[in-house]
Amino acid sequence: MSLRGANRLCFSWMWKPVYLENARALVQGSFVLIFVGVAYFINLQIGLILVFIQGCLIVQSSFTNWCIPDPALKRIGFKRKCE
């Protein structure tokens, strides 16, 4: 696996750095899919409530450019596109 740039994670099949914004979208999309699975397989009401909360967090992150998993993603090594 080859790293491009200083302190940037790079997936070998993509050959481009993965930035914080991309990792954030990956986490958010994964949570939406998990919560839809909860709604379908476990409990419809709980799943829909979780999907609604995740949707509100996505809207909030679009306005503030900050999301709850950002500190953990930064600690792992993801950088912003502008850095």
Foldseek 3Di string as FASTA:
>chain_A
DDDDDPLFDDDPVVRDTDALVNVVVVVLVVQLVVLVVCLVPPNVVSSVVSNVVSVVQVVVCVVVVDGDCSVVVVVVRHHHPVD
